Amino acid sequence: MEILQGLLLVLTPDVLPFLLLGVAVGMLFGALPGLDATTGVALLLPITYAMDPAPALIFFSALYVAGVFAGSITAILFRVPGSSEAIMTAIEGHEFTRRGEARKALATAVYSSAIGGLLASLALFSFTPFLASIALKFGPAEYFALAMLGLSCIAAITSGNPVKGAIAALIGLILATVGIDEITGSKRFDFGVSSLLSGVPFVPAIIGLFAASEVYRRISLRDLDLVSQPIGKPGNIREAAARLRLAEYLKLKWTVLRSSILGLGVGILPGAGATTAAILSYTTEVRLSKHPEQFGTGKLEGIAAPESANNAATVGAMIPLLSLGIPGSGTTAVLMGAFLVHNLQPGPFLFIHERPLVYGLFSGIALSNLLILVMAFIFIRLFNRMTHVPYPLLATGILSIAVAGSLAYGDSTAAAIMLVFALLGLVLEAGRYPLAPVVLGLVLGPIVETSLRRALLMSDFDPSALVATPIAAGLLLLAAVFFFGPLLTALWRRAAGRN
């Protein structure tokens, strides 16, 4: 009955238009580099002051869900992640665009995002208090173990040359130490640049590493035919879904299910975020694949996994916010401000005093994921036309957006950081060093360092504290298996070959 009441609330004439508008605005903010769902919620929060709580909060929830997905559109078409959650999609999806198969990649991203979000929405309806209680069991040791699990998969995503993968990850880990030490408050490697005090700006970094470096790489080929050819083939939007056969997508069902569960689990952990969920799901699929060497060359599992995981994590991040009053991500932290503006305090009492509104939010989030199936293809149609532009003109536009997106993040220093990372990307790719481990190090490095030091400080530097709980011990054991597994397998095969 409560679910039905929530659904009826969303479908009222006062609320439904704001749900549709939220999805559309979220698509726009998510697809443009430098803008994301967090920016959208923060910028538009003042205009909702005079609105009723239901349409305002459902609008922001829809914006959040759609914004996380939309980053995959430009990630696939131009290797420009519209948001940090689309990093792994950019690595895998753009390979399809290079082969003229962008429609297949885009359709996979749309369906996987919608399904991942819908599966997580079912958990939102059914298990919110229970899942929130699990999140409370995660302390510094558990976060450290979770981050180590992600780093242990570096060998899996760089099966061609694990040594170069490890070096690339080390670069990311070193860059992650830039900024103020969260434990002592001391400055580290900021070189007197104030914008580096909070760490390397992530958005300019990924724009430079993936988007700008890709443009420079293509232009440096000095082949007019190659550089000028459209990176997509003409076709209408209905072909986007038709190119991906149903039987072909059904093969991804276990990938989508696994990644949705993983994304939901990571999403409910405060501070973990959808980006971490996307990375962990991608590396997990690489580990489970019979052909891990095919990842990074254009494999549908490499799109389905991060896209279903990041949208599931988006929904999961709402669970600690609504049930405990603890934001699960940066966007939900801003979204918490929207609750407070409307005199609503997220937490257990919200379920007691505003139960219809809570289930209205649940319904709005579920419907937002359904609307992605429809509205995403409208935005894909718009961006798909850009792929038919000769590449020299397109490159100018991409670089302009890259610079503008970096400037939107901060001052002119952000644009300079973007250019530095573009050069780093060029150097690494010239030496055949993979870019994905750099991202892993940059994202997971702060979690590893801060969680490790906090766990040791809380235990008076007793190393056994890192395995004191079943969750931490289990995750570290799994990380050890993932890290040493390939090495032991290679040694066993070498010994078997000698015999």
Protein backbone atom coordinates (compact mmCIF):
# COMPACT_ATOMS: atom_id res chain seq x y z
CA MET A 1 0.00 0.00 0.00
CA GLU A 2 2.82 2.41 0.87
CA ILE A 3 4.54 1.67 -2.42
CA LEU A 4 1.30 2.42 -4.27
CA GLN A 5 0.89 5.68 -2.36
CA GLY A 6 4.43 6.68 -3.28
CA LEU A 7 3.82 5.89 -6.94
CA LEU A 8 0.58 7.88 -6.97
CA LEU A 9 2.41 10.83 -5.42
CA VAL A 10 4.97 10.83 -8.23
CA LEU A 11 2.29 10.57 -10.93
CA THR A 12 0.35 13.62 -9.73
CA PRO A 13 0.35 16.66 -12.09
CA ASP A 14 2.30 18.67 -9.50
CA VAL A 15 5.21 16.21 -9.34
CA LEU A 16 5.46 14.29 -12.64
CA PRO A 17 6.69 17.27 -14.74
CA PHE A 18 9.55 17.79 -12.28
CA LEU A 19 10.50 14.12 -12.55
CA LEU A 20 10.74 14.44 -16.35
CA LEU A 21 12.60 17.74 -16.06
CA GLY A 22 15.02 16.25 -13.55
CA VAL A 23 15.95 13.42 -15.91
CA ALA A 24 16.46 15.84 -18.82
CA VAL A 25 18.56 18.28 -16.79
CA GLY A 26 20.56 15.41 -15.31
CA MET A 27 21.34 14.09 -18.79
CA LEU A 28 22.63 17.52 -19.79
CA PHE A 29 24.80 18.02 -16.71
CA GLY A 30 26.11 14.46 -16.85
CA ALA A 31 27.08 14.48 -20.51
CA LEU A 32 29.06 17.74 -20.44
CA PRO A 33 32.62 17.37 -19.10
CA GLY A 34 33.26 19.48 -16.02
CA LEU A 35 29.60 19.40 -15.04
CA ASP A 36 28.02 16.54 -13.13
CA ALA A 37 25.05 15.68 -10.96
CA THR A 38 26.65 17.25 -7.90
CA THR A 39 27.12 20.53 -9.76
CA GLY A 40 23.56 20.38 -11.04
CA VAL A 41 22.03 19.88 -7.59
CA ALA A 42 24.20 22.62 -6.06
CA LEU A 43 23.45 25.16 -8.81
CA LEU A 44 19.71 24.54 -8.91
CA LEU A 45 19.10 24.20 -5.18
CA PRO A 46 18.26 27.92 -4.67
CA ILE A 47 15.43 27.87 -7.24
CA THR A 48 13.57 25.20 -5.24
CA TYR A 49 13.33 27.17 -1.99
CA ALA A 50 9.72 28.13 -2.64
CA MET A 51 8.68 24.70 -3.94
CA ASP A 52 6.91 21.96 -2.02
CA PRO A 53 9.27 19.25 -0.71
CA ALA A 54 7.93 16.40 -2.88
CA PRO A 55 8.48 17.91 -6.37
CA ALA A 56 11.78 19.51 -5.32
CA LEU A 57 13.33 16.35 -3.86
CA ILE A 58 12.05 14.09 -6.64
CA PHE A 59 13.48 16.56 -9.18
CA PHE A 60 16.92 16.38 -7.57
CA SER A 61 16.78 12.59 -7.21
CA ALA A 62 15.96 12.23 -10.92
CA LEU A 63 18.76 14.65 -11.80
CA TYR A 64 21.19 12.57 -9.74
CA VAL A 65 20.26 9.25 -11.35
CA ALA A 66 20.27 10.57 -14.93
CA GLY A 67 23.45 12.58 -14.42
CA VAL A 68 25.49 9.54 -13.41
CA PHE A 69 24.36 7.61 -16.49
CA ALA A 70 24.79 10.45 -19.01
CA GLY A 71 28.55 10.58 -18.55
CA SER A 72 28.74 7.37 -20.59
CA ILE A 73 27.45 9.06 -23.77
CA THR A 74 30.45 11.31 -24.37
CA ALA A 75 32.74 8.68 -22.82
CA ILE A 76 31.81 6.20 -25.54
CA LEU A 77 31.62 8.62 -28.47
CA PHE A 78 34.65 10.82 -27.78
CA ARG A 79 36.52 9.16 -24.87
CA VAL A 80 35.50 12.21 -22.84
CA PRO A 81 34.02 10.99 -19.54
CA GLY A 82 31.14 13.34 -18.80
CA SER A 83 31.51 12.36 -15.15
CA SER A 84 34.06 10.45 -13.09
CA GLU A 85 31.71 7.45 -12.90
CA ALA A 86 32.20 6.91 -16.65
CA ILE A 87 35.99 6.46 -16.57
CA MET A 88 35.97 2.70 -17.18
CA THR A 89 33.23 3.11 -19.80
CA ALA A 90 35.49 5.53 -21.69
CA ILE A 91 38.34 3.02 -21.72
CA GLU A 92 36.21 0.17 -23.06
CA GLY A 93 33.40 1.94 -24.90
CA HIS A 94 35.44 4.21 -27.14
CA GLU A 95 37.04 1.16 -28.74
CA PHE A 96 33.60 0.38 -30.21
CA THR A 97 33.41 3.91 -31.64
CA ARG A 98 36.79 3.46 -33.30
CA ARG A 99 35.38 0.36 -35.00
CA GLY A 100 32.22 2.19 -36.07
CA GLU A 101 30.11 0.26 -33.53
CA ALA A 102 29.20 3.11 -31.21
CA ARG A 103 25.49 2.26 -31.31
CA LYS A 104 26.08 -1.17 -29.83
CA ALA A 105 28.15 0.29 -27.00
CA LEU A 106 25.62 3.06 -26.31
CA ALA A 107 22.69 0.64 -26.25
CA THR A 108 24.58 -1.60 -23.83
CA ALA A 109 25.26 1.37 -21.56
CA VAL A 110 21.61 2.49 -21.62
CA TYR A 111 20.15 -0.93 -20.85
CA SER A 112 22.76 -1.78 -18.21
CA SER A 113 22.35 1.54 -16.41
CA ALA A 114 18.57 1.24 -16.35
CA ILE A 115 18.60 -2.39 -15.18
CA GLY A 116 21.25 -1.74 -12.53
CA GLY A 117 19.27 1.21 -11.20
CA LEU A 118 16.00 -0.73 -11.20
CA LEU A 119 17.50 -3.73 -9.38
CA ALA A 120 18.94 -1.41 -6.76
CA SER A 121 15.57 0.35 -6.49
CA LEU A 122 13.98 -2.96 -5.51
CA ALA A 123 16.47 -3.18 -2.66
CA LEU A 124 15.69 0.44 -1.79
CA PHE A 125 12.01 -0.45 -1.34
CA SER A 126 12.65 -3.68 0.55
CA PHE A 127 15.84 -3.54 2.59
CA THR A 128 16.76 0.08 3.32
CA PRO A 129 17.06 -0.23 7.14
CA PHE A 130 18.85 -3.60 6.90
CA LEU A 131 21.35 -2.42 4.27
CA ALA A 132 22.05 0.73 6.25
CA SER A 133 22.93 -1.40 9.30
CA ILE A 134 25.51 -3.27 7.18
CA ALA A 135 27.10 0.02 6.15
CA LEU A 136 27.57 0.91 9.83
CA LYS A 137 29.79 -2.16 10.28
CA PHE A 138 32.43 -0.69 7.95
CA GLY A 139 35.27 1.00 9.79
CA PRO A 140 38.75 2.08 8.64
CA ALA A 141 40.01 -1.54 8.42
CA GLU A 142 37.11 -2.57 6.19
CA TYR A 143 37.55 0.45 3.91
CA PHE A 144 41.28 -0.31 3.64
CA ALA A 145 40.54 -3.93 2.72
CA LEU A 146 37.95 -2.85 0.14
CA ALA A 147 40.40 -0.44 -1.51
CA MET A 148 43.14 -3.10 -1.51
CA LEU A 149 40.72 -5.45 -3.24
CA GLY A 150 40.37 -2.87 -6.01
CA LEU A 151 44.13 -2.39 -6.32
CA SER A 152 44.73 -6.15 -6.36
CA CYS A 153 42.95 -6.32 -9.71
CA ILE A 154 45.59 -4.24 -11.51
CA ALA A 155 47.24 -7.38 -12.88
CA ALA A 156 43.88 -8.51 -14.23
CA ILE A 157 43.20 -5.34 -16.23
CA THR A 158 46.77 -5.21 -17.59
CA SER A 159 47.22 -8.84 -18.56
CA GLY A 160 49.46 -7.83 -21.47
CA ASN A 161 52.17 -6.34 -19.25
CA PRO A 162 51.51 -6.40 -15.49
CA VAL A 163 54.80 -4.62 -14.74
CA LYS A 164 53.77 -1.58 -16.77
CA GLY A 165 50.35 -1.76 -15.15
CA ALA A 166 51.96 -1.69 -11.70
CA ILE A 167 54.12 1.30 -12.68
CA ALA A 168 51.05 3.16 -13.97
CA ALA A 169 49.19 2.39 -10.73
CA LEU A 170 52.18 3.62 -8.73
CA ILE A 171 52.01 6.92 -10.62
CA GLY A 172 48.35 7.23 -9.64
CA LEU A 173 49.13 6.40 -6.00
CA ILE A 174 51.89 9.02 -5.88
CA LEU A 175 49.59 11.65 -7.37
CA ALA A 176 46.98 10.73 -4.75
CA THR A 177 49.33 11.96 -1.99
CA VAL A 178 49.16 15.55 -3.24
CA GLY A 179 47.32 17.96 -0.92
CA ILE A 180 46.68 18.33 2.79
CA ASP A 181 47.28 15.22 4.90
CA GLU A 182 43.87 14.26 6.31
CA ILE A 183 45.42 12.89 9.50
CA THR A 184 48.02 15.54 10.43
CA GLY A 185 46.78 18.52 8.42
CA SER A 186 50.22 19.15 6.90
CA LYS A 187 50.72 20.22 3.28
CA ARG A 188 52.20 17.73 0.81
CA PHE A 189 53.53 18.34 -2.71
CA ASP A 190 51.31 21.38 -3.32
CA PHE A 191 54.23 23.44 -4.77
CA GLY A 192 52.61 26.59 -3.43
CA VAL A 193 49.52 26.12 -5.62
CA SER A 194 46.42 26.70 -3.50
CA SER A 195 44.15 24.63 -5.76
CA LEU A 196 46.28 21.55 -5.00
CA LEU A 197 45.69 21.76 -1.25
CA SER A 198 42.59 19.58 -1.57
CA GLY A 199 44.41 17.12 -3.83
CA VAL A 200 44.74 16.76 -7.58
CA PRO A 201 41.47 18.07 -9.08
CA PHE A 202 39.88 14.88 -10.31
CA VAL A 203 37.69 16.25 -13.11
CA PRO A 204 40.46 18.20 -14.92
CA ALA A 205 42.75 15.20 -14.43
CA ILE A 206 40.47 12.68 -16.13
CA ILE A 207 39.53 15.15 -18.88
CA GLY A 208 43.20 15.62 -19.68
CA LEU A 209 44.19 11.98 -19.27
CA PHE A 210 41.46 10.63 -21.54
CA ALA A 211 39.90 13.37 -23.69
CA ALA A 212 42.68 15.82 -24.49
CA SER A 213 45.34 13.12 -24.83
CA GLU A 214 43.11 11.22 -27.28
CA VAL A 215 42.72 14.34 -29.45
CA TYR A 216 46.47 14.99 -29.44
CA ARG A 217 47.16 11.35 -30.23
CA ARG A 218 44.86 11.34 -33.25
CA ILE A 219 46.22 14.61 -34.62
CA SER A 220 49.81 13.45 -34.14
CA LEU A 221 49.16 10.60 -36.58
CA ARG A 222 49.55 13.18 -39.39
CA ASP A 223 47.30 11.08 -41.59
CA LEU A 224 44.58 13.31 -43.06
CA ASP A 225 42.32 10.46 -44.09
CA LEU A 226 42.51 8.75 -40.72
CA VAL A 227 42.19 11.95 -38.75
CA SER A 228 39.34 13.34 -40.83
CA GLN A 229 37.12 10.31 -41.04
CA PRO A 230 33.93 10.34 -38.95
CA ILE A 231 34.27 8.14 -35.88
CA GLY A 232 30.73 6.84 -36.25
CA LYS A 233 28.66 5.57 -39.16
CA PRO A 234 25.45 7.30 -40.27
CA GLY A 235 22.22 5.89 -38.99
CA ASN A 236 19.05 6.80 -37.16
CA ILE A 237 18.50 6.32 -33.48
CA ARG A 238 16.32 3.24 -33.83
CA GLU A 239 19.32 1.42 -35.21
CA ALA A 240 21.15 2.08 -31.93
CA ALA A 241 19.11 -0.53 -30.11
CA ALA A 242 18.65 -2.77 -33.15
CA ARG A 243 22.39 -3.16 -33.62
CA LEU A 244 22.56 -4.82 -30.21
CA ARG A 245 20.72 -8.10 -30.62
CA LEU A 246 18.63 -9.38 -27.73
CA ALA A 247 20.50 -12.68 -27.66
CA GLU A 248 23.75 -10.75 -27.53
CA TYR A 249 22.65 -8.70 -24.54
CA LEU A 250 21.19 -11.70 -22.70
CA LYS A 251 24.71 -13.11 -22.54
CA LEU A 252 25.51 -10.20 -20.24
CA LYS A 253 22.79 -11.04 -17.72
CA TRP A 254 25.13 -12.41 -15.04
CA THR A 255 27.55 -9.53 -15.55
CA VAL A 256 24.74 -7.02 -15.02
CA LEU A 257 23.38 -8.89 -11.99
CA ARG A 258 26.81 -9.24 -10.33
CA SER A 259 27.72 -5.64 -11.01
CA SER A 260 24.37 -4.33 -9.78
CA ILE A 261 24.76 -6.18 -6.48
CA LEU A 262 28.37 -5.01 -6.13
CA GLY A 263 27.40 -1.44 -7.03
CA LEU A 264 24.59 -1.43 -4.49
CA GLY A 265 26.92 -2.77 -1.80
CA VAL A 266 29.59 -0.16 -2.50
CA GLY A 267 26.98 2.59 -2.84
CA ILE A 268 25.66 2.16 0.69
CA LEU A 269 29.16 2.70 2.12
CA PRO A 270 29.55 6.40 2.97
CA GLY A 271 32.37 7.91 0.95
CA ALA A 272 32.94 4.95 -1.39
CA GLY A 273 30.94 6.35 -4.31
CA ALA A 274 29.79 5.26 -7.76
CA THR A 275 33.26 5.75 -9.28
CA THR A 276 34.73 3.16 -6.92
CA ALA A 277 31.80 0.85 -7.70
CA ALA A 278 32.42 1.17 -11.45
CA ILE A 279 36.12 0.39 -11.07
CA LEU A 280 35.56 -2.59 -8.77
CA SER A 281 32.86 -4.07 -11.01
CA TYR A 282 35.05 -3.70 -14.10
CA THR A 283 38.06 -5.33 -12.47
CA THR A 284 35.84 -8.10 -11.09
CA GLU A 285 34.55 -8.94 -14.56
CA VAL A 286 38.10 -8.96 -15.91
CA ARG A 287 39.05 -11.39 -13.17
CA LEU A 288 36.10 -13.69 -13.85
CA SER A 289 36.42 -13.61 -17.65
CA LYS A 290 37.83 -16.55 -19.59
CA HIS A 291 39.48 -14.02 -21.92
CA PRO A 292 40.71 -11.13 -19.74
CA GLU A 293 43.13 -10.05 -22.46
CA GLN A 294 40.16 -8.86 -24.54
CA PHE A 295 39.21 -6.16 -22.03
CA GLY A 296 40.38 -2.74 -23.13
CA THR A 297 39.92 -3.66 -26.79
CA GLY A 298 36.14 -3.25 -26.90
CA LYS A 299 34.20 -5.88 -24.95
CA LEU A 300 30.52 -5.50 -24.02
CA GLU A 301 31.11 -6.82 -20.51
CA GLY A 302 33.49 -3.90 -19.99
CA ILE A 303 30.58 -1.50 -20.55
CA ALA A 304 27.76 -3.44 -18.90
CA ALA A 305 29.69 -3.92 -15.64
CA PRO A 306 30.61 -0.31 -14.77
CA GLU A 307 27.34 1.13 -16.08
CA SER A 308 25.09 -1.20 -14.09
CA ALA A 309 27.33 -0.78 -11.03
CA ASN A 310 27.51 3.02 -11.03
CA ASN A 311 23.75 3.46 -11.36
CA ALA A 312 23.13 0.84 -8.66
CA ALA A 313 25.64 2.67 -6.45
CA THR A 314 23.77 5.91 -7.09
CA VAL A 315 20.61 4.35 -5.70
CA GLY A 316 22.59 2.69 -2.91
CA ALA A 317 24.00 6.04 -1.79
CA MET A 318 20.45 7.14 -0.97
CA ILE A 319 20.07 4.37 1.63
CA PRO A 320 22.38 5.73 4.36
CA LEU A 321 21.11 9.25 3.63
CA LEU A 322 17.44 8.42 4.09
CA SER A 323 17.72 5.86 6.88
CA LEU A 324 20.67 7.19 8.91
CA GLY A 325 21.07 10.80 7.80
CA ILE A 326 24.60 9.99 6.55
CA PRO A 327 25.38 11.01 2.93
CA GLY A 328 26.72 8.09 0.90
CA SER A 329 28.32 10.26 -1.80
CA GLY A 330 29.23 13.83 -2.69
CA THR A 331 25.94 14.35 -4.48
CA THR A 332 23.86 13.01 -1.60
CA ALA A 333 25.77 15.36 0.71
CA VAL A 334 24.49 18.26 -1.40
CA LEU A 335 21.11 16.57 -1.61
CA MET A 336 21.01 16.50 2.18
CA GLY A 337 21.06 20.28 2.00
CA ALA A 338 17.90 20.13 -0.11
CA PHE A 339 16.19 18.15 2.66
CA LEU A 340 17.28 20.64 5.30
CA VAL A 341 16.15 23.60 3.19
CA HIS A 342 12.67 22.10 3.22
CA ASN A 343 12.79 21.51 7.00
CA LEU A 344 13.26 17.75 6.66
CA GLN A 345 15.91 15.88 8.66
CA PRO A 346 17.09 12.68 6.90
CA GLY A 347 17.27 9.73 9.27
CA PRO A 348 15.05 7.23 11.09
CA PHE A 349 12.43 9.83 12.01
CA LEU A 350 11.92 10.65 8.34
CA PHE A 351 10.36 7.19 7.91
CA ILE A 352 8.03 7.89 10.83
CA HIS A 353 6.88 11.43 10.07
CA GLU A 354 7.21 11.60 6.24
CA ARG A 355 6.64 8.02 5.13
CA PRO A 356 4.57 8.88 1.99
CA LEU A 357 7.31 11.29 0.86
CA VAL A 358 10.01 8.65 1.40
CA TYR A 359 8.17 6.10 -0.72
CA GLY A 360 7.47 8.82 -3.26
CA LEU A 361 11.24 9.33 -3.50
CA PHE A 362 11.75 5.59 -3.90
CA SER A 363 9.18 5.52 -6.71
CA GLY A 364 10.71 8.59 -8.35
CA ILE A 365 14.16 6.99 -8.37
CA ALA A 366 12.77 3.78 -9.91
CA LEU A 367 10.84 5.72 -12.57
CA SER A 368 13.94 7.80 -13.34
CA ASN A 369 15.78 4.64 -14.30
CA LEU A 370 12.87 3.63 -16.54
CA LEU A 371 12.89 7.05 -18.18
CA ILE A 372 16.58 6.59 -19.00
CA LEU A 373 15.49 3.90 -21.47
CA VAL A 374 13.46 6.49 -23.37
CA MET A 375 15.15 9.85 -22.92
CA ALA A 376 18.71 8.57 -23.26
CA PHE A 377 18.23 7.82 -26.93
CA ILE A 378 17.10 11.40 -27.55
CA PHE A 379 20.38 12.71 -26.15
CA ILE A 380 22.33 10.01 -27.97
CA ARG A 381 20.73 11.20 -31.23
CA LEU A 382 22.03 14.72 -30.57
CA PHE A 383 25.56 13.64 -29.68
CA ASN A 384 25.65 10.98 -32.40
CA ARG A 385 25.32 13.67 -35.06
CA MET A 386 28.53 15.21 -33.78
CA THR A 387 30.43 12.04 -34.70
CA HIS A 388 29.80 12.74 -38.40
CA VAL A 389 31.77 15.98 -38.21
CA PRO A 390 35.29 15.82 -39.75
CA TYR A 391 37.71 15.10 -36.95
CA PRO A 392 39.79 18.32 -37.16
CA LEU A 393 36.63 20.35 -36.48
CA LEU A 394 35.47 17.88 -33.85
CA ALA A 395 38.87 18.00 -32.15
CA THR A 396 38.59 21.77 -31.82
CA GLY A 397 35.20 21.39 -30.16
CA ILE A 398 36.39 18.64 -27.81
CA LEU A 399 39.42 20.65 -26.69
CA SER A 400 37.25 23.73 -26.16
CA ILE A 401 34.82 21.73 -24.02
CA ALA A 402 37.75 20.16 -22.16
CA VAL A 403 39.22 23.55 -21.28
CA ALA A 404 35.79 24.98 -20.39
CA GLY A 405 35.00 21.92 -18.26
CA SER A 406 38.27 22.31 -16.40
CA LEU A 407 37.68 26.02 -15.84
CA ALA A 408 34.20 25.23 -14.53
CA TYR A 409 35.88 23.16 -11.83
CA GLY A 410 38.05 25.99 -10.58
CA ASP A 411 40.47 28.70 -11.68
CA SER A 412 42.95 28.75 -14.56
CA THR A 413 45.16 26.34 -12.61
CA ALA A 414 42.61 23.60 -13.30
CA ALA A 415 43.06 24.09 -17.06
CA ALA A 416 46.84 23.87 -16.61
CA ILE A 417 46.42 20.63 -14.65
CA MET A 418 44.25 19.29 -17.47
CA LEU A 419 47.05 20.00 -19.97
CA VAL A 420 49.65 18.36 -17.70
CA PHE A 421 47.55 15.20 -17.52
CA ALA A 422 47.03 15.31 -21.29
CA LEU A 423 50.81 15.20 -21.71
CA LEU A 424 51.03 12.43 -19.12
CA GLY A 425 48.44 10.43 -21.08
CA LEU A 426 50.38 10.93 -24.31
CA VAL A 427 53.66 9.81 -22.73
CA LEU A 428 52.08 6.74 -21.12
CA GLU A 429 50.29 5.65 -24.28
CA ALA A 430 53.45 6.20 -26.35
CA GLY A 431 55.24 3.83 -23.98
CA ARG A 432 52.27 1.43 -24.08
CA TYR A 433 51.48 2.01 -20.42
CA PRO A 434 47.77 1.52 -19.65
CA LEU A 435 45.77 4.48 -18.33
CA ALA A 436 43.26 2.51 -16.25
CA PRO A 437 45.72 1.71 -13.39
CA VAL A 438 46.55 5.43 -13.08
CA VAL A 439 42.87 6.06 -12.39
CA LEU A 440 42.74 3.17 -9.92
CA GLY A 441 45.66 4.63 -8.00
CA LEU A 442 44.24 8.15 -8.06
CA VAL A 443 40.79 7.06 -6.86
CA LEU A 444 41.72 4.34 -4.37
CA GLY A 445 44.98 5.85 -3.10
CA PRO A 446 43.40 8.28 -0.61
CA ILE A 447 41.10 5.53 0.70
CA VAL A 448 44.02 3.13 1.21
CA GLU A 449 46.26 5.68 2.93
CA THR A 450 43.69 7.34 5.18
CA SER A 451 41.93 4.12 6.18
CA LEU A 452 45.19 2.31 6.92
CA ARG A 453 46.52 5.11 9.11
CA ARG A 454 43.23 5.53 10.96
CA ALA A 455 42.97 1.80 11.62
CA LEU A 456 46.52 1.70 13.01
CA LEU A 457 46.05 4.85 15.11
CA MET A 458 42.82 3.51 16.62
CA SER A 459 44.55 0.23 17.55
CA ASP A 460 47.76 1.78 18.91
CA PHE A 461 49.58 0.57 15.77
CA ASP A 462 48.58 -3.07 16.16
CA PRO A 463 48.70 -4.60 12.62
CA SER A 464 46.27 -7.35 13.64
CA ALA A 465 43.53 -4.68 13.69
CA LEU A 466 43.50 -4.87 9.89
CA VAL A 467 42.12 -8.42 10.07
CA ALA A 468 40.25 -8.18 13.37
CA THR A 469 36.78 -8.39 11.80
CA PRO A 470 35.43 -11.09 9.46
CA ILE A 471 34.61 -8.50 6.77
CA ALA A 472 38.11 -7.00 6.73
CA ALA A 473 39.81 -10.40 6.88
CA GLY A 474 37.64 -11.78 4.10
CA LEU A 475 38.23 -8.82 1.79
CA LEU A 476 42.01 -8.90 2.37
CA LEU A 477 42.09 -12.64 1.75
CA LEU A 478 40.22 -12.12 -1.51
CA ALA A 479 42.63 -9.33 -2.45
CA ALA A 480 45.59 -11.65 -1.80
CA VAL A 481 44.05 -14.35 -4.00
CA PHE A 482 43.46 -11.84 -6.81
CA PHE A 483 46.98 -10.41 -6.51
CA PHE A 484 49.01 -13.60 -6.16
CA GLY A 485 46.69 -15.85 -8.18
CA PRO A 486 48.05 -14.91 -11.63
CA LEU A 487 51.64 -15.20 -10.40
CA LEU A 488 51.12 -18.67 -8.90
CA THR A 489 49.23 -19.80 -12.00
CA ALA A 490 52.08 -18.66 -14.26
CA LEU A 491 54.67 -20.44 -12.09
CA TRP A 492 52.58 -23.62 -12.08
CA ARG A 493 52.24 -23.57 -15.87
CA ARG A 494 55.96 -22.99 -16.27
CA ALA A 495 56.75 -25.92 -13.97
CA ALA A 496 54.25 -28.12 -15.81
CA GLY A 497 55.82 -27.18 -19.14
CA ARG A 498 59.28 -28.24 -17.95
CA ASN A 499 57.92 -31.59 -16.89
